């Protein structure tokens, strides 16, 4: 697979607690140069990032991040604020406790509410697969499929593990055809990226692929 095809599916990500706006601008510059799907950044930088990017790359941000246990109302406010500030895409973290408690209706209601707050913008639902059983992952495939969200996403990158090939295979089997898949966390090589795409991922959340391409001679850039 051509590296440019891979980059088209990358959400070029910087979500560290110490991220500065100077670093965010660097991520945006890279996203524009390497034609990534988006740049994924903290919500506090969205407005300034939108002004800096001038529409040359989509701006994605995270909601209820990274633990997911803020209230539905708080997540909706965060989402509305991010959209008002110009965000193109929203990645939300589910309330994992609701899933563990089998409060599926509440979980579905939360995702639907956040999706409504997104309007016509893309919503990706982070389920944090490293904390879930296969049964819980399958249930989340069903809930996300019913919710109207656009993507199911494996991981925040801030828990005990990231995307696995097995998770992408499971998602591909159990999500509805209209739901796309985002693999995130631990994607550290071009080979990883290609594997995840071939297994069914339409997006990759990673900071490393662009860095690898920048350091690779003859990459076409």
N, C-alpha and C. Protein backbone atom coordinates (compact mmCIF):
# COMPACT_ATOMS: atom_id res chain seq x y z
N UNK A 1 0.85 -1.20 0.00
CA UNK A 1 0.00 0.00 0.00
C UNK A 1 0.88 1.25 0.00
N UNK A 2 0.55 2.19 -0.86
CA UNK A 2 1.31 3.43 -0.93
C UNK A 2 1.16 4.22 0.36
N UNK A 3 2.25 4.81 0.83
CA UNK A 3 2.21 5.53 2.10
C UNK A 3 1.24 6.70 2.06
N UNK A 4 1.04 7.29 0.88
CA UNK A 4 0.09 8.40 0.76
C UNK A 4 -1.34 7.92 1.02
N UNK A 5 -1.65 6.71 0.62
CA UNK A 5 -2.97 6.14 0.90
C UNK A 5 -3.17 5.95 2.40
N UNK A 6 -2.11 5.51 3.08
CA UNK A 6 -2.18 5.34 4.53
C UNK A 6 -2.40 6.69 5.21
N UNK A 7 -1.65 7.70 4.80
CA UNK A 7 -1.75 9.02 5.43
C UNK A 7 -3.15 9.63 5.28
N UNK A 8 -3.83 9.30 4.20
CA UNK A 8 -5.20 9.79 4.00
C UNK A 8 -6.16 9.28 5.08
N UNK A 9 -5.77 8.23 5.78
CA UNK A 9 -6.61 7.62 6.82
C UNK A 9 -6.12 7.94 8.23
N UNK A 10 -5.09 8.75 8.35
CA UNK A 10 -4.48 9.04 9.66
C UNK A 10 -5.10 10.28 10.29
N UNK A 11 -5.56 10.13 11.54
CA UNK A 11 -5.85 11.28 12.40
C UNK A 11 -4.55 11.56 13.16
N UNK A 12 -3.81 12.55 12.67
CA UNK A 12 -2.49 12.88 13.23
C UNK A 12 -2.71 13.51 14.61
N UNK A 13 -2.19 12.88 15.66
CA UNK A 13 -2.69 13.11 17.01
C UNK A 13 -1.63 13.69 17.95
N UNK A 14 -2.06 14.69 18.73
CA UNK A 14 -1.27 15.17 19.86
C UNK A 14 -2.23 15.51 20.99
N UNK A 15 -2.26 14.64 22.02
CA UNK A 15 -3.20 14.80 23.13
C UNK A 15 -2.50 14.76 24.49
N UNK A 16 -1.21 14.93 24.51
CA UNK A 16 -0.49 14.89 25.79
C UNK A 16 -0.88 16.08 26.66
N UNK A 17 -0.81 15.88 27.96
CA UNK A 17 -1.20 16.93 28.91
C UNK A 17 -0.31 18.16 28.79
N UNK A 18 0.91 17.99 28.32
CA UNK A 18 1.87 19.10 28.25
C UNK A 18 1.90 19.78 26.88
N UNK A 19 1.00 19.40 25.99
CA UNK A 19 1.01 19.95 24.63
C UNK A 19 0.87 21.48 24.65
N UNK A 20 1.74 22.15 23.94
CA UNK A 20 1.68 23.60 23.81
C UNK A 20 1.10 23.96 22.44
N UNK A 21 0.69 25.23 22.29
CA UNK A 21 0.14 25.61 20.99
C UNK A 21 1.20 25.61 19.91
N UNK A 22 2.43 25.87 20.29
CA UNK A 22 3.51 25.77 19.31
C UNK A 22 3.59 24.35 18.75
N UNK A 23 3.44 23.36 19.63
CA UNK A 23 3.45 21.96 19.18
C UNK A 23 2.21 21.63 18.36
N UNK A 24 1.08 22.19 18.76
CA UNK A 24 -0.16 21.98 18.00
C UNK A 24 0.00 22.53 16.58
N UNK A 25 0.61 23.70 16.45
CA UNK A 25 0.85 24.26 15.12
C UNK A 25 1.73 23.35 14.28
N UNK A 26 2.70 22.71 14.92
CA UNK A 26 3.56 21.77 14.21
C UNK A 26 2.77 20.56 13.70
N UNK A 27 1.85 20.07 14.52
CA UNK A 27 0.98 18.96 14.12
C UNK A 27 0.11 19.37 12.93
N UNK A 28 -0.42 20.59 12.99
CA UNK A 28 -1.25 21.09 11.89
C UNK A 28 -0.44 21.22 10.61
N UNK A 29 0.76 21.78 10.73
CA UNK A 29 1.64 21.91 9.56
C UNK A 29 1.90 20.55 8.92
N UNK A 30 2.16 19.56 9.76
CA UNK A 30 2.40 18.20 9.26
C UNK A 30 1.14 17.63 8.61
N UNK A 31 -0.01 17.85 9.26
CA UNK A 31 -1.27 17.35 8.71
C UNK A 31 -1.54 17.90 7.32
N UNK A 32 -1.25 19.18 7.14
CA UNK A 32 -1.43 19.82 5.84
C UNK A 32 -0.42 19.26 4.83
N UNK A 33 0.83 19.22 5.22
CA UNK A 33 1.88 18.77 4.29
C UNK A 33 1.68 17.33 3.84
N UNK A 34 1.30 16.47 4.79
CA UNK A 34 1.21 15.04 4.48
C UNK A 34 -0.22 14.59 4.19
N UNK A 35 -1.13 15.54 4.11
CA UNK A 35 -2.50 15.28 3.67
C UNK A 35 -3.18 14.20 4.51
N UNK A 36 -3.13 14.38 5.84
CA UNK A 36 -3.78 13.44 6.74
C UNK A 36 -5.29 13.70 6.78
N UNK A 37 -6.03 12.70 7.27
CA UNK A 37 -7.49 12.85 7.36
C UNK A 37 -7.88 14.00 8.26
N UNK A 38 -7.16 14.14 9.37
CA UNK A 38 -7.41 15.23 10.31
C UNK A 38 -6.19 15.37 11.22
N UNK A 39 -6.25 16.38 12.08
CA UNK A 39 -5.36 16.43 13.24
C UNK A 39 -6.26 16.35 14.46
N UNK A 40 -5.88 15.54 15.43
CA UNK A 40 -6.68 15.33 16.64
C UNK A 40 -5.96 15.97 17.82
N UNK A 41 -6.61 16.97 18.42
CA UNK A 41 -5.95 17.83 19.40
C UNK A 41 -6.88 18.09 20.59
N UNK A 42 -6.35 18.61 21.71
CA UNK A 42 -7.20 18.93 22.85
C UNK A 42 -8.21 20.02 22.52
N UNK A 43 -9.36 19.95 23.17
CA UNK A 43 -10.46 20.88 22.88
C UNK A 43 -10.08 22.34 23.13
N UNK A 44 -9.21 22.58 24.11
CA UNK A 44 -8.85 23.95 24.44
C UNK A 44 -8.12 24.67 23.31
N UNK A 45 -7.59 23.91 22.37
CA UNK A 45 -6.85 24.51 21.26
C UNK A 45 -7.65 24.58 19.96
N UNK A 46 -8.89 24.10 19.98
CA UNK A 46 -9.64 23.98 18.72
C UNK A 46 -9.81 25.33 18.03
N UNK A 47 -10.28 26.33 18.74
CA UNK A 47 -10.56 27.62 18.10
C UNK A 47 -9.31 28.20 17.45
N UNK A 48 -8.22 28.22 18.18
CA UNK A 48 -6.98 28.75 17.63
C UNK A 48 -6.46 27.88 16.49
N UNK A 49 -6.66 26.57 16.62
CA UNK A 49 -6.20 25.65 15.58
C UNK A 49 -6.97 25.85 14.28
N UNK A 50 -8.27 26.06 14.40
CA UNK A 50 -9.10 26.30 13.21
C UNK A 50 -8.64 27.57 12.51
N UNK A 51 -8.38 28.60 13.28
CA UNK A 51 -7.91 29.86 12.69
C UNK A 51 -6.55 29.67 12.02
N UNK A 52 -5.69 28.89 12.63
CA UNK A 52 -4.34 28.67 12.08
C UNK A 52 -4.39 27.79 10.83
N UNK A 53 -5.23 26.76 10.85
CA UNK A 53 -5.27 25.79 9.74
C UNK A 53 -5.94 26.36 8.49
N UNK A 54 -6.84 27.31 8.69
CA UNK A 54 -7.51 27.96 7.56
C UNK A 54 -8.16 26.97 6.59
N UNK A 55 -8.73 25.90 7.15
CA UNK A 55 -9.47 24.94 6.32
C UNK A 55 -8.61 23.98 5.53
N UNK A 56 -7.30 23.99 5.76
CA UNK A 56 -6.41 23.14 4.97
C UNK A 56 -6.30 21.72 5.51
N UNK A 57 -6.76 21.50 6.74
CA UNK A 57 -6.83 20.16 7.32
C UNK A 57 -7.98 20.15 8.32
N UNK A 58 -8.67 19.04 8.44
CA UNK A 58 -9.79 18.96 9.38
C UNK A 58 -9.28 18.92 10.81
N UNK A 59 -10.03 19.54 11.70
CA UNK A 59 -9.68 19.59 13.11
C UNK A 59 -10.62 18.65 13.88
N UNK A 60 -10.02 17.69 14.56
CA UNK A 60 -10.72 16.72 15.39
C UNK A 60 -10.36 16.97 16.85
N UNK A 61 -11.32 16.76 17.74
CA UNK A 61 -11.01 16.87 19.17
C UNK A 61 -11.70 15.78 19.96
N UNK A 62 -11.37 15.71 21.24
CA UNK A 62 -11.85 14.62 22.10
C UNK A 62 -12.76 15.14 23.19
N UNK A 63 -13.76 14.31 23.55
CA UNK A 63 -14.80 14.68 24.51
C UNK A 63 -14.87 13.61 25.60
N UNK A 64 -15.02 14.06 26.87
CA UNK A 64 -15.05 13.11 27.98
C UNK A 64 -13.75 12.34 28.09
N UNK A 65 -12.67 12.98 27.74
CA UNK A 65 -11.38 12.31 27.55
C UNK A 65 -10.49 12.47 28.78
N UNK A 66 -9.75 11.44 29.18
CA UNK A 66 -9.70 10.09 28.61
C UNK A 66 -10.57 9.05 29.34
N UNK A 67 -11.20 9.43 30.45
CA UNK A 67 -11.84 8.42 31.31
C UNK A 67 -13.31 8.16 30.98
N UNK A 68 -13.99 9.12 30.39
CA UNK A 68 -15.35 8.88 29.92
C UNK A 68 -16.44 8.98 30.96
N UNK A 69 -16.11 9.33 32.19
CA UNK A 69 -17.14 9.26 33.22
C UNK A 69 -17.75 10.61 33.61
N UNK A 70 -17.56 11.63 32.78
CA UNK A 70 -18.32 12.86 32.99
C UNK A 70 -19.77 12.62 32.59
N UNK A 71 -20.66 13.49 33.00
CA UNK A 71 -22.08 13.27 32.74
C UNK A 71 -22.42 13.43 31.26
N UNK A 72 -23.56 12.90 30.88
CA UNK A 72 -24.04 13.06 29.51
C UNK A 72 -24.16 14.54 29.17
N UNK A 73 -24.68 15.31 30.11
CA UNK A 73 -24.87 16.74 29.87
C UNK A 73 -23.53 17.45 29.67
N UNK A 74 -22.53 17.06 30.45
CA UNK A 74 -21.20 17.67 30.30
C UNK A 74 -20.60 17.33 28.95
N UNK A 75 -20.77 16.08 28.54
CA UNK A 75 -20.24 15.67 27.22
C UNK A 75 -20.93 16.43 26.10
N UNK A 76 -22.23 16.63 26.23
CA UNK A 76 -22.96 17.38 25.21
C UNK A 76 -22.49 18.83 25.16
N UNK A 77 -22.27 19.43 26.34
CA UNK A 77 -21.76 20.81 26.36
C UNK A 77 -20.38 20.88 25.72
N UNK A 78 -19.51 19.96 26.09
CA UNK A 78 -18.17 19.93 25.49
C UNK A 78 -18.25 19.83 23.96
N UNK A 79 -19.15 18.97 23.51
CA UNK A 79 -19.31 18.77 22.06
C UNK A 79 -19.81 20.04 21.39
N UNK A 80 -20.85 20.63 21.94
CA UNK A 80 -21.41 21.86 21.36
C UNK A 80 -20.38 22.98 21.33
N UNK A 81 -19.60 23.08 22.40
CA UNK A 81 -18.56 24.10 22.48
C UNK A 81 -17.48 23.86 21.42
N UNK A 82 -17.08 22.60 21.26
CA UNK A 82 -16.06 22.27 20.26
C UNK A 82 -16.55 22.57 18.85
N UNK A 83 -17.81 22.21 18.57
CA UNK A 83 -18.38 22.49 17.24
C UNK A 83 -18.48 24.00 17.02
N UNK A 84 -18.90 24.74 18.05
CA UNK A 84 -18.98 26.20 17.95
C UNK A 84 -17.61 26.79 17.64
N UNK A 85 -16.57 26.19 18.20
CA UNK A 85 -15.21 26.69 17.98
C UNK A 85 -14.62 26.23 16.64
N UNK A 86 -15.38 25.39 15.92
CA UNK A 86 -14.95 25.04 14.56
C UNK A 86 -14.51 23.61 14.34
N UNK A 87 -14.64 22.75 15.35
CA UNK A 87 -14.20 21.35 15.18
C UNK A 87 -15.00 20.67 14.08
N UNK A 88 -14.30 19.87 13.29
CA UNK A 88 -14.93 19.11 12.20
C UNK A 88 -15.35 17.72 12.64
N UNK A 89 -14.65 17.16 13.63
CA UNK A 89 -14.90 15.78 14.05
C UNK A 89 -14.75 15.69 15.57
N UNK A 90 -15.55 14.79 16.16
CA UNK A 90 -15.56 14.60 17.61
C UNK A 90 -15.29 13.13 17.93
N UNK A 91 -14.33 12.88 18.82
CA UNK A 91 -14.07 11.54 19.34
C UNK A 91 -14.46 11.53 20.82
N UNK A 92 -15.53 10.81 21.15
CA UNK A 92 -16.01 10.79 22.53
C UNK A 92 -15.66 9.47 23.21
N UNK A 93 -15.44 9.52 24.52
CA UNK A 93 -15.20 8.31 25.32
C UNK A 93 -16.50 7.93 26.00
N UNK A 94 -16.88 6.65 25.88
CA UNK A 94 -18.10 6.18 26.54
C UNK A 94 -17.91 6.14 28.06
N UNK A 95 -19.04 6.08 28.75
CA UNK A 95 -19.03 5.80 30.19
C UNK A 95 -18.88 4.29 30.36
N UNK A 96 -17.68 3.84 30.63
CA UNK A 96 -17.40 2.41 30.69
C UNK A 96 -18.13 1.75 31.86
N UNK A 97 -18.34 2.51 32.93
CA UNK A 97 -19.07 1.97 34.08
C UNK A 97 -20.50 1.58 33.71
N UNK A 98 -21.13 2.38 32.85
CA UNK A 98 -22.48 2.03 32.41
C UNK A 98 -22.49 0.70 31.66
N UNK A 99 -21.45 0.48 30.86
CA UNK A 99 -21.34 -0.79 30.14
C UNK A 99 -21.14 -1.94 31.12
N UNK A 100 -20.26 -1.75 32.09
CA UNK A 100 -20.01 -2.81 33.08
C UNK A 100 -21.26 -3.11 33.90
N UNK A 101 -22.07 -2.08 34.14
CA UNK A 101 -23.32 -2.25 34.89
C UNK A 101 -24.47 -2.75 34.01
N UNK A 102 -24.18 -2.94 32.72
CA UNK A 102 -25.20 -3.39 31.75
C UNK A 102 -26.35 -2.39 31.63
N UNK A 103 -26.05 -1.12 31.80
CA UNK A 103 -27.05 -0.07 31.63
C UNK A 103 -27.02 0.40 30.17
N UNK A 104 -27.40 -0.51 29.31
CA UNK A 104 -27.23 -0.30 27.87
C UNK A 104 -28.09 0.84 27.34
N UNK A 105 -29.30 1.00 27.88
CA UNK A 105 -30.17 2.08 27.41
C UNK A 105 -29.58 3.45 27.73
N UNK A 106 -28.98 3.57 28.93
CA UNK A 106 -28.35 4.84 29.30
C UNK A 106 -27.15 5.13 28.41
N UNK A 107 -26.41 4.09 28.12
CA UNK A 107 -25.23 4.25 27.27
C UNK A 107 -25.63 4.68 25.86
N UNK A 108 -26.67 4.04 25.33
CA UNK A 108 -27.17 4.40 24.01
C UNK A 108 -27.68 5.84 24.02
N UNK A 109 -28.38 6.21 25.07
CA UNK A 109 -28.92 7.57 25.19
C UNK A 109 -27.79 8.60 25.19
N UNK A 110 -26.71 8.29 25.90
CA UNK A 110 -25.57 9.21 25.95
C UNK A 110 -24.96 9.42 24.56
N UNK A 111 -24.73 8.34 23.86
CA UNK A 111 -24.11 8.45 22.53
C UNK A 111 -25.03 9.19 21.57
N UNK A 112 -26.33 8.88 21.62
CA UNK A 112 -27.29 9.58 20.76
C UNK A 112 -27.31 11.08 21.07
N UNK A 113 -27.22 11.43 22.34
CA UNK A 113 -27.25 12.84 22.73
C UNK A 113 -26.00 13.57 22.21
N UNK A 114 -24.86 12.93 22.32
CA UNK A 114 -23.63 13.55 21.81
C UNK A 114 -23.70 13.67 20.29
N UNK A 115 -24.22 12.64 19.63
CA UNK A 115 -24.37 12.71 18.18
C UNK A 115 -25.28 13.85 17.78
N UNK A 116 -26.37 14.04 18.52
CA UNK A 116 -27.27 15.17 18.23
C UNK A 116 -26.55 16.50 18.41
N UNK A 117 -25.66 16.56 19.40
CA UNK A 117 -24.88 17.78 19.63
C UNK A 117 -23.87 18.04 18.51
N UNK A 118 -23.50 16.98 17.81
CA UNK A 118 -22.54 17.10 16.70
C UNK A 118 -23.17 17.70 15.44
N UNK A 119 -24.49 17.62 15.33
CA UNK A 119 -25.12 18.03 14.08
C UNK A 119 -24.65 17.15 12.94
N UNK A 120 -24.13 17.77 11.89
CA UNK A 120 -23.69 16.99 10.73
C UNK A 120 -22.20 16.63 10.79
N UNK A 121 -21.57 16.87 11.91
CA UNK A 121 -20.14 16.56 12.06
C UNK A 121 -19.95 15.09 12.42
N UNK A 122 -18.79 14.57 12.11
CA UNK A 122 -18.48 13.16 12.36
C UNK A 122 -18.31 12.89 13.85
N UNK A 123 -18.91 11.80 14.33
CA UNK A 123 -18.73 11.34 15.71
C UNK A 123 -18.09 9.96 15.72
N UNK A 124 -16.98 9.84 16.46
CA UNK A 124 -16.32 8.56 16.67
C UNK A 124 -16.47 8.20 18.16
N UNK A 125 -16.82 6.96 18.43
CA UNK A 125 -17.10 6.52 19.80
C UNK A 125 -15.97 5.62 20.29
N UNK A 126 -15.25 6.10 21.30
CA UNK A 126 -14.12 5.36 21.87
C UNK A 126 -14.64 4.43 22.96
N UNK A 127 -14.39 3.13 22.81
CA UNK A 127 -14.92 2.17 23.79
C UNK A 127 -13.85 1.60 24.73
N UNK A 128 -12.59 1.92 24.51
CA UNK A 128 -11.46 1.47 25.34
C UNK A 128 -11.43 -0.06 25.46
N UNK A 129 -11.12 -0.70 24.36
CA UNK A 129 -11.19 -2.16 24.26
C UNK A 129 -10.32 -2.90 25.28
N UNK A 130 -9.21 -2.30 25.69
CA UNK A 130 -8.31 -2.99 26.63
C UNK A 130 -8.97 -3.25 27.98
N UNK A 131 -10.06 -2.55 28.28
CA UNK A 131 -10.76 -2.71 29.55
C UNK A 131 -12.00 -3.59 29.43
N UNK A 132 -12.26 -4.14 28.24
CA UNK A 132 -13.51 -4.83 27.98
C UNK A 132 -13.30 -6.30 27.65
N UNK A 133 -14.31 -7.08 27.98
CA UNK A 133 -14.37 -8.47 27.52
C UNK A 133 -14.84 -8.49 26.06
N UNK A 134 -14.66 -9.62 25.39
CA UNK A 134 -15.17 -9.73 24.02
C UNK A 134 -16.68 -9.54 23.99
N UNK A 135 -17.37 -10.07 25.00
CA UNK A 135 -18.83 -9.90 25.08
C UNK A 135 -19.21 -8.42 25.15
N UNK A 136 -18.45 -7.66 25.93
CA UNK A 136 -18.72 -6.22 26.05
C UNK A 136 -18.39 -5.49 24.76
N UNK A 137 -17.33 -5.90 24.09
CA UNK A 137 -16.98 -5.29 22.80
C UNK A 137 -18.09 -5.53 21.78
N UNK A 138 -18.61 -6.74 21.74
CA UNK A 138 -19.69 -7.07 20.80
C UNK A 138 -20.93 -6.24 21.12
N UNK A 139 -21.23 -6.10 22.41
CA UNK A 139 -22.38 -5.29 22.80
C UNK A 139 -22.20 -3.85 22.36
N UNK A 140 -20.98 -3.32 22.48
CA UNK A 140 -20.72 -1.95 22.06
C UNK A 140 -20.83 -1.81 20.54
N UNK A 141 -20.47 -2.83 19.81
CA UNK A 141 -20.69 -2.79 18.35
C UNK A 141 -22.17 -2.61 18.05
N UNK A 142 -23.02 -3.32 18.79
CA UNK A 142 -24.46 -3.21 18.60
C UNK A 142 -24.96 -1.82 18.98
N UNK A 143 -24.51 -1.31 20.13
CA UNK A 143 -24.98 -0.01 20.62
C UNK A 143 -24.53 1.11 19.69
N UNK A 144 -23.27 1.10 19.28
CA UNK A 144 -22.77 2.14 18.38
C UNK A 144 -23.51 2.07 17.04
N UNK A 145 -23.78 0.87 16.58
CA UNK A 145 -24.51 0.71 15.32
C UNK A 145 -25.90 1.33 15.39
N UNK A 146 -26.51 1.24 16.56
CA UNK A 146 -27.87 1.77 16.75
C UNK A 146 -27.88 3.27 17.02
N UNK A 147 -26.76 3.81 17.46
CA UNK A 147 -26.73 5.17 18.00
C UNK A 147 -26.75 6.27 16.95
N UNK A 148 -26.37 5.95 15.72
CA UNK A 148 -26.23 6.97 14.69
C UNK A 148 -24.82 7.54 14.59
N UNK A 149 -23.92 7.08 15.46
CA UNK A 149 -22.52 7.51 15.38
C UNK A 149 -21.88 7.00 14.09
N UNK A 150 -20.82 7.67 13.68
CA UNK A 150 -20.17 7.36 12.40
C UNK A 150 -19.08 6.31 12.51
N UNK A 151 -18.40 6.25 13.66
CA UNK A 151 -17.27 5.35 13.85
C UNK A 151 -17.33 4.70 15.22
N UNK A 152 -16.77 3.52 15.32
CA UNK A 152 -16.39 2.91 16.59
C UNK A 152 -14.87 2.93 16.64
N UNK A 153 -14.33 3.32 17.79
CA UNK A 153 -12.88 3.51 17.93
C UNK A 153 -12.37 2.68 19.10
N UNK A 154 -11.21 2.10 18.94
CA UNK A 154 -10.71 1.15 19.92
C UNK A 154 -10.31 1.79 21.25
N UNK A 155 -9.56 2.90 21.22
CA UNK A 155 -8.78 3.26 22.40
C UNK A 155 -8.52 4.76 22.49
N UNK A 156 -8.26 5.20 23.73
CA UNK A 156 -7.79 6.57 23.95
C UNK A 156 -6.29 6.69 23.77
N UNK A 157 -5.58 5.60 24.00
CA UNK A 157 -4.12 5.66 24.06
C UNK A 157 -3.62 6.03 25.45
N UNK A 158 -4.54 6.21 26.40
CA UNK A 158 -4.18 6.62 27.76
C UNK A 158 -4.49 5.54 28.80
N UNK A 159 -4.89 4.34 28.36
CA UNK A 159 -5.21 3.28 29.30
C UNK A 159 -4.14 2.19 29.23
N UNK A 160 -4.53 0.96 29.47
CA UNK A 160 -3.55 -0.13 29.60
C UNK A 160 -3.14 -0.76 28.29
N UNK A 161 -3.77 -0.36 27.19
CA UNK A 161 -3.41 -0.91 25.89
C UNK A 161 -4.09 -0.16 24.77
N UNK A 162 -3.61 -0.41 23.54
CA UNK A 162 -4.17 0.25 22.38
C UNK A 162 -4.86 -0.74 21.47
N UNK A 163 -4.92 -0.38 20.20
CA UNK A 163 -5.60 -1.22 19.20
C UNK A 163 -4.87 -2.54 19.02
N UNK A 164 -5.65 -3.59 18.81
CA UNK A 164 -5.09 -4.89 18.43
C UNK A 164 -5.75 -5.34 17.13
N UNK A 165 -5.05 -6.19 16.42
CA UNK A 165 -5.62 -6.74 15.19
C UNK A 165 -6.90 -7.52 15.48
N UNK A 166 -6.91 -8.23 16.61
CA UNK A 166 -8.09 -9.01 16.99
C UNK A 166 -9.32 -8.12 17.19
N UNK A 167 -9.11 -6.92 17.76
CA UNK A 167 -10.23 -6.00 17.95
C UNK A 167 -10.81 -5.54 16.63
N UNK A 168 -9.95 -5.27 15.67
CA UNK A 168 -10.44 -4.79 14.36
C UNK A 168 -11.19 -5.91 13.64
N UNK A 169 -10.72 -7.12 13.76
CA UNK A 169 -11.43 -8.28 13.18
C UNK A 169 -12.81 -8.41 13.83
N UNK A 170 -12.87 -8.28 15.16
CA UNK A 170 -14.15 -8.39 15.87
C UNK A 170 -15.10 -7.26 15.45
N UNK A 171 -14.59 -6.03 15.42
CA UNK A 171 -15.43 -4.90 14.99
C UNK A 171 -16.00 -5.15 13.59
N UNK A 172 -15.14 -5.59 12.69
CA UNK A 172 -15.55 -5.81 11.30
C UNK A 172 -16.68 -6.83 11.22
N UNK A 173 -16.67 -7.76 12.14
CA UNK A 173 -17.69 -8.82 12.14
C UNK A 173 -19.01 -8.33 12.71
N UNK A 174 -18.97 -7.45 13.71
CA UNK A 174 -20.19 -7.15 14.48
C UNK A 174 -20.77 -5.75 14.29
N UNK A 175 -20.05 -4.79 13.73
CA UNK A 175 -20.68 -3.48 13.53
C UNK A 175 -21.52 -3.49 12.27
N UNK A 176 -22.53 -2.63 12.24
CA UNK A 176 -23.38 -2.49 11.06
C UNK A 176 -22.56 -1.92 9.91
N UNK A 177 -22.98 -2.16 8.69
CA UNK A 177 -22.21 -1.71 7.52
C UNK A 177 -21.98 -0.20 7.46
N UNK A 178 -22.89 0.59 8.06
CA UNK A 178 -22.74 2.04 7.99
C UNK A 178 -21.74 2.58 9.02
N UNK A 179 -21.27 1.75 9.94
CA UNK A 179 -20.33 2.20 10.97
C UNK A 179 -18.90 1.90 10.53
N UNK A 180 -18.08 2.93 10.53
CA UNK A 180 -16.67 2.77 10.18
C UNK A 180 -15.85 2.48 11.44
N UNK A 181 -14.61 2.09 11.24
CA UNK A 181 -13.75 1.64 12.34
C UNK A 181 -12.50 2.52 12.43
N UNK A 182 -12.18 2.93 13.65
CA UNK A 182 -10.92 3.65 13.89
C UNK A 182 -10.08 2.86 14.87
N UNK A 183 -8.86 2.54 14.46
CA UNK A 183 -7.88 1.90 15.33
C UNK A 183 -6.97 2.98 15.89
N UNK A 184 -6.75 2.95 17.20
CA UNK A 184 -5.93 3.98 17.83
C UNK A 184 -5.15 3.39 19.00
N UNK A 185 -3.96 3.92 19.21
CA UNK A 185 -3.13 3.49 20.33
C UNK A 185 -2.16 2.39 19.93
N UNK A 186 -0.88 2.69 19.99
CA UNK A 186 0.13 1.67 19.76
C UNK A 186 0.45 1.37 18.31
N UNK A 187 -0.04 2.18 17.38
CA UNK A 187 0.27 1.96 15.96
C UNK A 187 1.62 2.60 15.70
N UNK A 188 2.64 1.77 15.62
CA UNK A 188 4.00 2.30 15.68
C UNK A 188 4.83 2.09 14.41
N UNK A 189 4.25 1.49 13.39
CA UNK A 189 5.02 1.25 12.16
C UNK A 189 4.10 1.32 10.95
N UNK A 190 4.69 1.51 9.79
CA UNK A 190 3.93 1.49 8.54
C UNK A 190 3.26 0.13 8.37
N UNK A 191 3.95 -0.92 8.77
CA UNK A 191 3.39 -2.28 8.65
C UNK A 191 2.15 -2.42 9.53
N UNK A 192 2.20 -1.89 10.77
CA UNK A 192 1.03 -1.89 11.64
C UNK A 192 -0.14 -1.19 10.95
N UNK A 193 0.14 0.00 10.43
CA UNK A 193 -0.91 0.81 9.81
C UNK A 193 -1.55 0.05 8.65
N UNK A 194 -0.72 -0.54 7.82
CA UNK A 194 -1.24 -1.28 6.67
C UNK A 194 -2.07 -2.48 7.11
N UNK A 195 -1.61 -3.18 8.14
CA UNK A 195 -2.36 -4.33 8.66
C UNK A 195 -3.75 -3.90 9.14
N UNK A 196 -3.80 -2.82 9.93
CA UNK A 196 -5.08 -2.38 10.47
C UNK A 196 -6.04 -1.97 9.36
N UNK A 197 -5.53 -1.30 8.35
CA UNK A 197 -6.38 -0.90 7.22
C UNK A 197 -6.89 -2.13 6.47
N UNK A 198 -6.00 -3.07 6.23
CA UNK A 198 -6.41 -4.29 5.51
C UNK A 198 -7.43 -5.11 6.29
N UNK A 199 -7.39 -5.01 7.62
CA UNK A 199 -8.35 -5.75 8.46
C UNK A 199 -9.70 -5.04 8.59
N UNK A 200 -9.77 -3.78 8.13
CA UNK A 200 -11.05 -3.10 8.14
C UNK A 200 -11.08 -1.70 8.73
N UNK A 201 -9.96 -1.21 9.24
CA UNK A 201 -9.94 0.14 9.82
C UNK A 201 -9.96 1.19 8.71
N UNK A 202 -10.83 2.17 8.87
CA UNK A 202 -10.91 3.27 7.91
C UNK A 202 -10.13 4.49 8.39
N UNK A 203 -9.88 4.55 9.70
CA UNK A 203 -9.06 5.62 10.28
C UNK A 203 -8.06 5.02 11.25
N UNK A 204 -6.95 5.74 11.39
CA UNK A 204 -5.91 5.37 12.34
C UNK A 204 -5.59 6.57 13.20
N UNK A 205 -5.67 6.41 14.52
CA UNK A 205 -5.28 7.47 15.43
C UNK A 205 -3.85 7.23 15.87
N UNK A 206 -2.94 8.09 15.44
CA UNK A 206 -1.52 7.85 15.72
C UNK A 206 -0.71 9.13 15.56
N UNK A 207 0.34 9.25 16.32
CA UNK A 207 1.29 10.35 16.15
C UNK A 207 2.55 9.89 15.43
N UNK A 208 2.69 8.57 15.27
CA UNK A 208 3.98 8.04 14.83
C UNK A 208 4.13 7.91 13.32
N UNK A 209 3.04 7.71 12.60
CA UNK A 209 3.16 7.43 11.17
C UNK A 209 3.75 8.62 10.42
N UNK A 210 3.26 9.82 10.72
CA UNK A 210 3.83 11.01 10.07
C UNK A 210 5.30 11.16 10.43
N UNK A 211 5.65 10.90 11.68
CA UNK A 211 7.06 11.00 12.09
C UNK A 211 7.92 10.01 11.31
N UNK A 212 7.40 8.80 11.12
CA UNK A 212 8.15 7.80 10.36
C UNK A 212 8.35 8.23 8.91
N UNK A 213 7.30 8.79 8.32
CA UNK A 213 7.39 9.24 6.93
C UNK A 213 8.37 10.40 6.81
N UNK A 214 8.34 11.30 7.78
CA UNK A 214 9.26 12.44 7.75
C UNK A 214 10.72 11.99 7.81
N UNK A 215 10.95 10.90 8.52
CA UNK A 215 12.32 10.42 8.71
C UNK A 215 12.77 9.43 7.65
N UNK A 216 11.86 9.08 6.75
CA UNK A 216 12.16 8.06 5.75
C UNK A 216 12.54 8.70 4.43
N UNK A 217 13.73 8.47 3.99
CA UNK A 217 14.17 9.02 2.71
C UNK A 217 13.43 8.32 1.58
N UNK A 218 13.11 9.08 0.55
CA UNK A 218 12.42 8.51 -0.60
C UNK A 218 10.97 8.20 -0.33
N UNK A 219 10.37 8.88 0.67
CA UNK A 219 8.98 8.61 1.00
C UNK A 219 8.00 9.27 0.02
N UNK A 220 8.53 10.08 -0.88
CA UNK A 220 7.68 10.77 -1.83
C UNK A 220 7.33 12.19 -1.42
N UNK A 221 7.86 12.63 -0.26
CA UNK A 221 7.61 13.99 0.21
C UNK A 221 8.93 14.73 0.32
